[in-house]
Amino acid sequence: MINLYCPECGSRVDRDESTMLEDVGWLIEYDIEIARLYLNLKGMDKPVTPEFIFDEGYCSWYGMSPKDLEENAQVHQELKAL
């Protein structure tokens, strides 16, 4: 990963779909050439795209996304009222 842009900052970035992916409002920019190099060294011959890197778990949110904390706090407030 080269850069991670929050939802506010991501709206001001020139997007490049060949290196970037948006998830829950956050913009992730990958170094596709480096990813391709390492995946080729591991014997991968699939096309290396931001979606592939993210969906296969090579570089994605591990356990929680940034929005999860906000959503969990809201759920706790709603349950507290019960």
C-alpha atoms as a PDB file:
ATOM      1  CA  MET A   1       0.000   0.000   0.000  1.00  0.00           C
ATOM      2  CA  ILE A   2       1.245   3.467  -0.874  1.00  0.00           C
ATOM      3  CA  ASN A   3      -1.511   5.651   0.580  1.00  0.00           C
ATOM      4  CA  LEU A   4      -4.705   5.431   2.588  1.00  0.00           C
ATOM      5  CA  TYR A   5      -7.116   8.339   2.227  1.00  0.00           C
ATOM      6  CA  CYS A   6      -9.997   8.996   4.625  1.00  0.00           C
ATOM      7  CA  PRO A   7     -13.416   9.721   3.094  1.00  0.00           C
ATOM      8  CA  GLU A   8     -12.862  13.482   3.369  1.00  0.00           C
ATOM      9  CA  CYS A   9      -9.363  13.481   1.830  1.00  0.00           C
ATOM     10  CA  GLY A  10     -10.176  10.842  -0.768  1.00  0.00           C
ATOM     11  CA  SER A  11     -12.618  13.184  -2.465  1.00  0.00           C
ATOM     12  CA  ARG A  12      -9.696  15.507  -3.313  1.00  0.00           C
ATOM     13  CA  VAL A  13      -7.483  12.828  -4.871  1.00  0.00           C
ATOM     14  CA  ASP A  14      -7.136  12.122  -8.586  1.00  0.00           C
ATOM     15  CA  ARG A  15      -8.322   8.532  -8.746  1.00  0.00           C
ATOM     16  CA  ASP A  16      -6.577   5.845 -10.732  1.00  0.00           C
ATOM     17  CA  GLU A  17      -8.633   2.653 -10.895  1.00  0.00           C
ATOM     18  CA  SER A  18      -5.553   0.683 -11.941  1.00  0.00           C
ATOM     19  CA  THR A  19      -3.933   1.309  -8.524  1.00  0.00           C
ATOM     20  CA  MET A  20      -6.790   2.374  -6.221  1.00  0.00           C
ATOM     21  CA  LEU A  21      -9.810   0.818  -4.576  1.00  0.00           C
ATOM     22  CA  GLU A  22     -12.541   2.412  -2.452  1.00  0.00           C
ATOM     23  CA  ASP A  23     -13.982   0.567   0.531  1.00  0.00           C
ATOM     24  CA  VAL A  24     -16.454   1.996   3.081  1.00  0.00           C
ATOM     25  CA  GLY A  25     -15.554   5.476   1.832  1.00  0.00           C
ATOM     26  CA  TRP A  26     -11.810   5.035   2.325  1.00  0.00           C
ATOM     27  CA  LEU A  27      -9.507   5.105  -0.696  1.00  0.00           C
ATOM     28  CA  ILE A  28      -6.621   2.633  -0.722  1.00  0.00           C
ATOM     29  CA  GLU A  29      -3.748   3.118  -3.156  1.00  0.00           C
ATOM     30  CA  TYR A  30      -1.590   0.084  -3.880  1.00  0.00           C
ATOM     31  CA  ASP A  31       1.883  -0.208  -5.388  1.00  0.00           C
ATOM     32  CA  ILE A  32       0.775  -2.589  -8.119  1.00  0.00           C
ATOM     33  CA  GLU A  33       4.278  -3.119  -9.521  1.00  0.00           C
ATOM     34  CA  ILE A  34       5.652  -4.240  -6.138  1.00  0.00           C
ATOM     35  CA  ALA A  35       2.580  -6.411  -5.510  1.00  0.00           C
ATOM     36  CA  ARG A  36       2.987  -7.996  -8.939  1.00  0.00           C
ATOM     37  CA  LEU A  37       6.686  -8.660  -8.258  1.00  0.00           C
ATOM     38  CA  TYR A  38       6.038 -10.392  -4.921  1.00  0.00           C
ATOM     39  CA  LEU A  39       3.055 -12.370  -6.181  1.00  0.00           C
ATOM     40  CA  ASN A  40       5.047 -13.521  -9.217  1.00  0.00           C
ATOM     41  CA  LEU A  41       7.840 -14.663  -6.881  1.00  0.00           C
ATOM     42  CA  LYS A  42       5.217 -16.785  -5.096  1.00  0.00           C
ATOM     43  CA  GLY A  43       4.166 -18.339  -8.405  1.00  0.00           C
ATOM     44  CA  MET A  44       0.952 -16.349  -8.896  1.00  0.00           C
ATOM     45  CA  ASP A  45       0.107 -15.760 -12.519  1.00  0.00           C
ATOM     46  CA  LYS A  46      -3.287 -14.089 -12.028  1.00  0.00           C
ATOM     47  CA  PRO A  47      -3.822 -10.454 -13.029  1.00  0.00           C
ATOM     48  CA  VAL A  48      -2.821  -8.227 -10.104  1.00  0.00           C
ATOM     49  CA  THR A  49      -5.457  -5.557  -9.544  1.00  0.00           C
ATOM     50  CA  PRO A  50      -6.463  -3.528  -6.484  1.00  0.00           C
ATOM     51  CA  GLU A  51      -9.582  -5.714  -6.214  1.00  0.00           C
ATOM     52  CA  PHE A  52      -7.516  -8.906  -6.286  1.00  0.00           C
ATOM     53  CA  ILE A  53      -5.110  -7.626  -3.609  1.00  0.00           C
ATOM     54  CA  PHE A  54      -7.992  -6.536  -1.365  1.00  0.00           C
ATOM     55  CA  ASP A  55     -10.396  -9.444  -1.922  1.00  0.00           C
ATOM     56  CA  GLU A  56      -7.715 -12.093  -1.469  1.00  0.00           C
ATOM     57  CA  GLY A  57      -6.647 -10.496   1.825  1.00  0.00           C
ATOM     58  CA  TYR A  58      -3.126  -9.525   0.791  1.00  0.00           C
ATOM     59  CA  CYS A  59      -3.710  -5.955   1.961  1.00  0.00           C
ATOM     60  CA  SER A  60      -7.151  -5.177   3.365  1.00  0.00           C
ATOM     61  CA  TRP A  61      -8.882  -4.379   6.646  1.00  0.00           C
ATOM     62  CA  TYR A  62      -7.949  -7.078   9.105  1.00  0.00           C
ATOM     63  CA  GLY A  63     -10.801  -7.668  11.529  1.00  0.00           C
ATOM     64  CA  MET A  64     -12.324  -4.210  11.459  1.00  0.00           C
ATOM     65  CA  SER A  65     -12.736  -1.448   8.935  1.00  0.00           C
ATOM     66  CA  PRO A  66     -12.520   2.204  10.016  1.00  0.00           C
ATOM     67  CA  LYS A  67     -16.297   2.517   9.863  1.00  0.00           C
ATOM     68  CA  ASP A  68     -16.809  -0.480  12.184  1.00  0.00           C
ATOM     69  CA  LEU A  69     -15.856   1.501  15.304  1.00  0.00           C
ATOM     70  CA  GLU A  70     -18.428   4.164  14.496  1.00  0.00           C
ATOM     71  CA  GLU A  71     -21.142   1.604  13.747  1.00  0.00           C
ATOM     72  CA  ASN A  72     -20.360  -0.418  16.893  1.00  0.00           C
ATOM     73  CA  ALA A  73     -20.646   2.702  19.065  1.00  0.00           C
ATOM     74  CA  GLN A  74     -24.058   3.431  17.541  1.00  0.00           C
ATOM     75  CA  VAL A  75     -25.262  -0.141  18.156  1.00  0.00           C
ATOM     76  CA  HIS A  76     -24.097   0.025  21.782  1.00  0.00           C
ATOM     77  CA  GLN A  77     -26.034   3.259  22.296  1.00  0.00           C
ATOM     78  CA  GLU A  78     -29.173   1.701  20.828  1.00  0.00           C
ATOM     79  CA  LEU A  79     -28.825  -1.420  22.985  1.00  0.00           C
ATOM     80  CA  LYS A  80     -28.152   0.662  26.079  1.00  0.00           C
ATOM     81  CA  ALA A  81     -31.619   2.191  25.761  1.00  0.00           C
ATOM     82  CA  LEU A  82     -33.214  -1.251  25.936  1.00  0.00           C
END
